[in-house]
Amino acid sequence: MYQKKLEEDIRCPLEYGLEVFGGKWNSRIICVLADLGTLRYSALRRELGNITDAVLATTLKELIANGIVERRSYNEIPPRVEYCLSERGRSVVPILQSICRWAGAFHRSSGEKIMGHCQKCDYHH
């Protein structure tokens, strides 16, 4: 019977980086927070469009655990919780912009259609 390893077997820094900011939603959340700054959960969800509450909550928990996003709660009535990029999270933004530039160049050379302007990382192709 298969048993999941207790700890993930990450062998190089690239694997670690892709684990932290790769995937469908991690990079999108980072880019939205980089673009708009501090957001409440509902505003973040609205910006992301078709993400479910379960996926957003899980992804935010992972980004917080990895030190990419900070969660700030305020002792108010009603309670207020806000999310923003940490210093570590802000340091990821240039990496994502580089990936965006690479993807734009690759798609232009292959003739595939791609969005001419990334709305969140503010990169113009």
N, C-alpha and C. Protein backbone atom coordinates (compact mmCIF):
# COMPACT_ATOMS: atom_id res chain seq x y z
N MET A 1 0.84 -1.19 0.00
CA MET A 1 0.00 0.00 0.00
C MET A 1 0.89 1.25 0.00
N TYR A 2 0.54 2.22 -0.83
CA TYR A 2 1.32 3.45 -0.95
C TYR A 2 1.08 4.36 0.25
N GLN A 3 2.17 4.90 0.79
CA GLN A 3 2.07 5.89 1.87
C GLN A 3 2.82 7.14 1.43
N LYS A 4 2.17 8.29 1.59
CA LYS A 4 2.79 9.56 1.25
C LYS A 4 3.96 9.82 2.18
N LYS A 5 5.04 10.36 1.61
CA LYS A 5 6.19 10.72 2.42
C LYS A 5 5.80 11.78 3.44
N LEU A 6 6.43 11.76 4.58
CA LEU A 6 6.12 12.76 5.61
C LEU A 6 6.58 14.15 5.18
N GLU A 7 7.74 14.21 4.52
CA GLU A 7 8.25 15.49 4.04
C GLU A 7 8.44 15.40 2.54
N GLU A 8 8.21 16.51 1.85
CA GLU A 8 8.41 16.51 0.41
C GLU A 8 9.89 16.42 0.10
N ASP A 9 10.18 15.79 -1.01
CA ASP A 9 11.56 15.57 -1.43
C ASP A 9 11.94 16.63 -2.47
N ILE A 10 12.31 17.81 -2.00
CA ILE A 10 12.71 18.89 -2.90
C ILE A 10 14.23 18.85 -3.01
N ARG A 11 14.71 18.70 -4.23
CA ARG A 11 16.14 18.48 -4.45
C ARG A 11 16.90 19.70 -4.95
N CYS A 12 16.22 20.72 -5.39
CA CYS A 12 16.95 21.90 -5.87
C CYS A 12 16.15 23.17 -5.61
N PRO A 13 16.81 24.32 -5.64
CA PRO A 13 16.13 25.59 -5.38
C PRO A 13 14.99 25.88 -6.37
N LEU A 14 15.14 25.45 -7.62
CA LEU A 14 14.09 25.69 -8.59
C LEU A 14 12.80 24.97 -8.18
N GLU A 15 12.92 23.74 -7.73
CA GLU A 15 11.74 23.00 -7.27
C GLU A 15 11.08 23.73 -6.11
N TYR A 16 11.90 24.24 -5.20
CA TYR A 16 11.35 24.98 -4.06
C TYR A 16 10.60 26.22 -4.55
N GLY A 17 11.23 26.97 -5.45
CA GLY A 17 10.60 28.19 -5.97
C GLY A 17 9.27 27.89 -6.66
N LEU A 18 9.26 26.86 -7.48
CA LEU A 18 8.02 26.51 -8.17
C LEU A 18 6.96 26.01 -7.20
N GLU A 19 7.39 25.39 -6.13
CA GLU A 19 6.45 24.96 -5.10
C GLU A 19 5.81 26.17 -4.42
N VAL A 20 6.60 27.21 -4.20
CA VAL A 20 6.13 28.39 -3.48
C VAL A 20 5.27 29.30 -4.35
N PHE A 21 5.72 29.63 -5.59
CA PHE A 21 4.96 30.59 -6.38
C PHE A 21 4.44 30.04 -7.69
N GLY A 22 4.62 28.76 -7.94
CA GLY A 22 4.10 28.15 -9.15
C GLY A 22 2.65 27.77 -8.99
N GLY A 23 2.14 27.10 -9.98
CA GLY A 23 0.75 26.66 -9.91
C GLY A 23 -0.20 27.71 -10.44
N LYS A 24 -1.42 27.30 -10.63
CA LYS A 24 -2.42 28.17 -11.25
C LYS A 24 -2.75 29.40 -10.41
N TRP A 25 -2.93 29.24 -9.11
CA TRP A 25 -3.44 30.34 -8.29
C TRP A 25 -2.38 31.11 -7.52
N ASN A 26 -1.28 30.48 -7.12
CA ASN A 26 -0.26 31.18 -6.33
C ASN A 26 0.22 32.44 -7.05
N SER A 27 0.65 32.29 -8.29
CA SER A 27 1.19 33.44 -9.02
C SER A 27 0.10 34.49 -9.27
N ARG A 28 -1.12 34.05 -9.51
CA ARG A 28 -2.20 35.02 -9.74
C ARG A 28 -2.48 35.84 -8.48
N ILE A 29 -2.50 35.19 -7.35
CA ILE A 29 -2.73 35.91 -6.09
C ILE A 29 -1.59 36.89 -5.84
N ILE A 30 -0.36 36.46 -6.06
CA ILE A 30 0.80 37.34 -5.88
C ILE A 30 0.69 38.55 -6.79
N CYS A 31 0.34 38.34 -8.05
CA CYS A 31 0.25 39.44 -9.00
C CYS A 31 -0.88 40.41 -8.65
N VAL A 32 -2.01 39.90 -8.20
CA VAL A 32 -3.13 40.77 -7.81
C VAL A 32 -2.73 41.62 -6.61
N LEU A 33 -2.10 41.00 -5.61
CA LEU A 33 -1.69 41.77 -4.43
C LEU A 33 -0.57 42.75 -4.77
N ALA A 34 0.31 42.39 -5.71
CA ALA A 34 1.36 43.32 -6.14
C ALA A 34 0.75 44.52 -6.84
N ASP A 35 -0.29 44.28 -7.61
CA ASP A 35 -0.93 45.34 -8.38
C ASP A 35 -1.81 46.24 -7.51
N LEU A 36 -2.58 45.63 -6.60
CA LEU A 36 -3.59 46.39 -5.87
C LEU A 36 -3.26 46.64 -4.40
N GLY A 37 -2.20 46.02 -3.90
CA GLY A 37 -1.80 46.25 -2.52
C GLY A 37 -2.59 45.40 -1.55
N THR A 38 -2.98 45.98 -0.45
CA THR A 38 -3.70 45.27 0.61
C THR A 38 -5.17 45.11 0.24
N LEU A 39 -5.66 43.86 0.35
CA LEU A 39 -7.05 43.58 0.00
C LEU A 39 -7.72 42.71 1.06
N ARG A 40 -9.00 42.91 1.21
CA ARG A 40 -9.80 42.00 2.03
C ARG A 40 -10.09 40.76 1.20
N TYR A 41 -10.47 39.69 1.87
CA TYR A 41 -10.71 38.41 1.22
C TYR A 41 -11.71 38.55 0.06
N SER A 42 -12.82 39.21 0.30
CA SER A 42 -13.87 39.33 -0.72
C SER A 42 -13.37 40.10 -1.95
N ALA A 43 -12.58 41.13 -1.74
CA ALA A 43 -12.04 41.90 -2.86
C ALA A 43 -11.03 41.05 -3.65
N LEU A 44 -10.22 40.29 -2.94
CA LEU A 44 -9.25 39.42 -3.60
C LEU A 44 -9.98 38.37 -4.44
N ARG A 45 -10.99 37.78 -3.88
CA ARG A 45 -11.78 36.77 -4.60
C ARG A 45 -12.43 37.37 -5.84
N ARG A 46 -12.95 38.56 -5.72
CA ARG A 46 -13.59 39.24 -6.85
C ARG A 46 -12.58 39.49 -7.96
N GLU A 47 -11.37 39.90 -7.61
CA GLU A 47 -10.32 40.15 -8.60
C GLU A 47 -9.90 38.88 -9.33
N LEU A 48 -9.92 37.76 -8.63
CA LEU A 48 -9.47 36.50 -9.22
C LEU A 48 -10.54 35.85 -10.09
N GLY A 49 -11.77 36.25 -9.94
CA GLY A 49 -12.83 35.76 -10.82
C GLY A 49 -13.34 34.38 -10.46
N ASN A 50 -12.87 33.36 -11.15
CA ASN A 50 -13.50 32.04 -11.05
C ASN A 50 -12.86 31.11 -10.02
N ILE A 51 -12.24 31.63 -8.99
CA ILE A 51 -11.66 30.80 -7.93
C ILE A 51 -12.75 30.47 -6.91
N THR A 52 -12.71 29.26 -6.38
CA THR A 52 -13.68 28.89 -5.34
C THR A 52 -13.16 29.34 -3.98
N ASP A 53 -14.07 29.45 -3.02
CA ASP A 53 -13.66 29.83 -1.65
C ASP A 53 -12.67 28.82 -1.08
N ALA A 54 -12.92 27.54 -1.30
CA ALA A 54 -12.04 26.50 -0.75
C ALA A 54 -10.63 26.62 -1.31
N VAL A 55 -10.52 26.84 -2.61
CA VAL A 55 -9.20 26.95 -3.24
C VAL A 55 -8.50 28.23 -2.78
N LEU A 56 -9.22 29.34 -2.72
CA LEU A 56 -8.62 30.60 -2.29
C LEU A 56 -8.13 30.48 -0.85
N ALA A 57 -8.96 29.94 0.03
CA ALA A 57 -8.57 29.81 1.44
C ALA A 57 -7.34 28.92 1.58
N THR A 58 -7.31 27.79 0.89
CA THR A 58 -6.17 26.88 0.97
C THR A 58 -4.91 27.52 0.40
N THR A 59 -5.04 28.19 -0.73
CA THR A 59 -3.88 28.82 -1.37
C THR A 59 -3.34 29.95 -0.50
N LEU A 60 -4.21 30.75 0.08
CA LEU A 60 -3.75 31.82 0.98
C LEU A 60 -3.02 31.24 2.18
N LYS A 61 -3.53 30.16 2.76
CA LYS A 61 -2.85 29.53 3.89
C LYS A 61 -1.45 29.07 3.51
N GLU A 62 -1.30 28.50 2.32
CA GLU A 62 0.01 28.05 1.86
C GLU A 62 0.95 29.23 1.65
N LEU A 63 0.44 30.30 1.03
CA LEU A 63 1.27 31.48 0.79
C LEU A 63 1.67 32.15 2.10
N ILE A 64 0.78 32.14 3.07
CA ILE A 64 1.10 32.68 4.40
C ILE A 64 2.15 31.81 5.07
N ALA A 65 1.98 30.49 5.01
CA ALA A 65 2.94 29.56 5.63
C ALA A 65 4.33 29.69 5.01
N ASN A 66 4.39 30.02 3.72
CA ASN A 66 5.67 30.18 3.03
C ASN A 66 6.23 31.60 3.14
N GLY A 67 5.54 32.47 3.87
CA GLY A 67 6.05 33.82 4.09
C GLY A 67 5.89 34.76 2.91
N ILE A 68 5.01 34.42 1.96
CA ILE A 68 4.81 35.25 0.77
C ILE A 68 3.72 36.29 1.01
N VAL A 69 2.69 35.90 1.73
CA VAL A 69 1.55 36.78 2.01
C VAL A 69 1.43 36.96 3.51
N GLU A 70 1.05 38.15 3.92
CA GLU A 70 0.79 38.44 5.32
C GLU A 70 -0.71 38.60 5.52
N ARG A 71 -1.19 38.04 6.62
CA ARG A 71 -2.61 38.16 6.99
C ARG A 71 -2.67 39.07 8.20
N ARG A 72 -3.46 40.13 8.08
CA ARG A 72 -3.63 41.07 9.19
C ARG A 72 -5.09 41.08 9.61
N SER A 73 -5.30 40.78 10.88
CA SER A 73 -6.68 40.83 11.38
C SER A 73 -6.80 41.97 12.38
N TYR A 74 -7.95 42.61 12.35
CA TYR A 74 -8.21 43.76 13.20
C TYR A 74 -9.35 43.43 14.15
N ASN A 75 -9.19 43.82 15.38
CA ASN A 75 -10.19 43.54 16.40
C ASN A 75 -11.29 44.59 16.33
N GLU A 76 -12.13 44.43 15.32
CA GLU A 76 -13.22 45.36 15.08
C GLU A 76 -14.52 44.58 14.98
N ILE A 77 -15.62 45.29 15.02
CA ILE A 77 -16.92 44.66 14.81
C ILE A 77 -17.55 45.35 13.60
N PRO A 78 -17.82 44.63 12.52
CA PRO A 78 -17.49 43.23 12.29
C PRO A 78 -15.98 43.06 12.11
N PRO A 79 -15.47 41.83 12.32
CA PRO A 79 -14.03 41.58 12.18
C PRO A 79 -13.54 41.91 10.76
N ARG A 80 -12.33 42.42 10.68
CA ARG A 80 -11.75 42.77 9.39
C ARG A 80 -10.43 42.04 9.25
N VAL A 81 -10.25 41.38 8.11
CA VAL A 81 -9.01 40.67 7.79
C VAL A 81 -8.53 41.16 6.43
N GLU A 82 -7.24 41.47 6.35
CA GLU A 82 -6.66 41.95 5.09
C GLU A 82 -5.43 41.12 4.74
N TYR A 83 -5.14 41.05 3.45
CA TYR A 83 -4.00 40.30 2.94
C TYR A 83 -3.14 41.23 2.11
N CYS A 84 -1.82 41.06 2.25
CA CYS A 84 -0.88 41.83 1.45
C CYS A 84 0.38 41.00 1.27
N LEU A 85 1.23 41.40 0.33
CA LEU A 85 2.49 40.71 0.13
C LEU A 85 3.46 41.08 1.24
N SER A 86 4.21 40.11 1.68
CA SER A 86 5.30 40.37 2.61
C SER A 86 6.50 40.88 1.80
N GLU A 87 7.57 41.21 2.48
CA GLU A 87 8.78 41.61 1.76
C GLU A 87 9.25 40.47 0.86
N ARG A 88 9.18 39.27 1.39
CA ARG A 88 9.56 38.09 0.60
C ARG A 88 8.64 37.95 -0.61
N GLY A 89 7.36 38.19 -0.43
CA GLY A 89 6.41 38.12 -1.53
C GLY A 89 6.68 39.16 -2.59
N ARG A 90 7.01 40.38 -2.16
CA ARG A 90 7.34 41.44 -3.13
C ARG A 90 8.59 41.09 -3.93
N SER A 91 9.50 40.32 -3.33
CA SER A 91 10.72 39.96 -4.04
C SER A 91 10.45 38.94 -5.16
N VAL A 92 9.29 38.29 -5.14
CA VAL A 92 8.92 37.33 -6.18
C VAL A 92 8.40 38.03 -7.43
N VAL A 93 7.86 39.23 -7.30
CA VAL A 93 7.21 39.92 -8.41
C VAL A 93 8.13 40.08 -9.62
N PRO A 94 9.38 40.53 -9.48
CA PRO A 94 10.24 40.62 -10.67
C PRO A 94 10.46 39.27 -11.37
N ILE A 95 10.47 38.20 -10.60
CA ILE A 95 10.61 36.87 -11.19
C ILE A 95 9.39 36.55 -12.05
N LEU A 96 8.21 36.83 -11.53
CA LEU A 96 6.98 36.58 -12.29
C LEU A 96 6.91 37.48 -13.52
N GLN A 97 7.39 38.72 -13.40
CA GLN A 97 7.43 39.61 -14.57
C GLN A 97 8.37 39.07 -15.63
N SER A 98 9.50 38.49 -15.22
CA SER A 98 10.43 37.88 -16.17
C SER A 98 9.79 36.70 -16.89
N ILE A 99 9.05 35.89 -16.14
CA ILE A 99 8.35 34.76 -16.75
C ILE A 99 7.32 35.28 -17.75
N CYS A 100 6.64 36.35 -17.40
CA CYS A 100 5.65 36.96 -18.29
C CYS A 100 6.32 37.44 -19.58
N ARG A 101 7.48 38.10 -19.47
CA ARG A 101 8.22 38.55 -20.65
C ARG A 101 8.63 37.37 -21.51
N TRP A 102 9.14 36.32 -20.88
CA TRP A 102 9.55 35.13 -21.61
C TRP A 102 8.35 34.52 -22.34
N ALA A 103 7.24 34.37 -21.64
CA ALA A 103 6.05 33.78 -22.25
C ALA A 103 5.55 34.62 -23.42
N GLY A 104 5.58 35.94 -23.26
CA GLY A 104 5.16 36.83 -24.35
C GLY A 104 6.04 36.67 -25.57
N ALA A 105 7.35 36.60 -25.37
CA ALA A 105 8.28 36.43 -26.49
C ALA A 105 8.09 35.07 -27.14
N PHE A 106 7.92 34.05 -26.35
CA PHE A 106 7.75 32.69 -26.87
C PHE A 106 6.48 32.60 -27.71
N HIS A 107 5.40 33.13 -27.19
CA HIS A 107 4.13 33.04 -27.93
C HIS A 107 4.15 33.89 -29.19
N ARG A 108 4.83 35.03 -29.17
CA ARG A 108 4.94 35.84 -30.39
C ARG A 108 5.69 35.06 -31.46
N SER A 109 6.78 34.39 -31.07
CA SER A 109 7.58 33.68 -32.06
C SER A 109 6.89 32.42 -32.57
N SER A 110 5.97 31.86 -31.80
CA SER A 110 5.28 30.65 -32.24
C SER A 110 3.99 30.97 -32.99
N GLY A 111 3.61 32.24 -33.03
CA GLY A 111 2.41 32.63 -33.75
C GLY A 111 1.12 32.41 -32.97
N GLU A 112 1.24 31.95 -31.73
CA GLU A 112 0.04 31.75 -30.92
C GLU A 112 -0.46 33.09 -30.40
N LYS A 113 -1.75 33.17 -30.18
CA LYS A 113 -2.33 34.40 -29.63
C LYS A 113 -2.12 34.42 -28.13
N ILE A 114 -1.75 35.58 -27.62
CA ILE A 114 -1.60 35.78 -26.18
C ILE A 114 -2.02 37.21 -25.88
N MET A 115 -2.48 37.42 -24.68
CA MET A 115 -2.87 38.75 -24.25
C MET A 115 -1.70 39.72 -24.45
N GLY A 116 -1.96 40.87 -25.05
CA GLY A 116 -0.91 41.83 -25.33
C GLY A 116 -0.39 42.56 -24.11
N HIS A 117 -1.19 42.59 -23.06
CA HIS A 117 -0.78 43.30 -21.85
C HIS A 117 -1.24 42.50 -20.64
N CYS A 118 -0.28 42.15 -19.79
CA CYS A 118 -0.63 41.45 -18.57
C CYS A 118 -1.22 42.49 -17.62
N GLN A 119 -2.47 42.32 -17.26
CA GLN A 119 -3.15 43.31 -16.46
C GLN A 119 -2.66 43.40 -15.03
N LYS A 120 -2.06 42.34 -14.53
CA LYS A 120 -1.68 42.32 -13.13
C LYS A 120 -0.20 42.61 -12.89
N CYS A 121 0.69 42.07 -13.71
CA CYS A 121 2.11 42.35 -13.44
C CYS A 121 2.56 43.60 -14.19
N ASP A 122 1.65 44.21 -14.95
CA ASP A 122 1.90 45.47 -15.64
C ASP A 122 3.03 45.35 -16.65
N TYR A 123 3.15 44.20 -17.28
CA TYR A 123 4.15 44.03 -18.33
C TYR A 123 3.49 44.20 -19.69
N HIS A 124 4.01 45.08 -20.51
CA HIS A 124 3.50 45.30 -21.87
C HIS A 124 4.34 44.49 -22.83
N HIS A 125 3.69 43.66 -23.65
CA HIS A 125 4.40 42.82 -24.63
C HIS A 125 4.68 43.62 -25.88
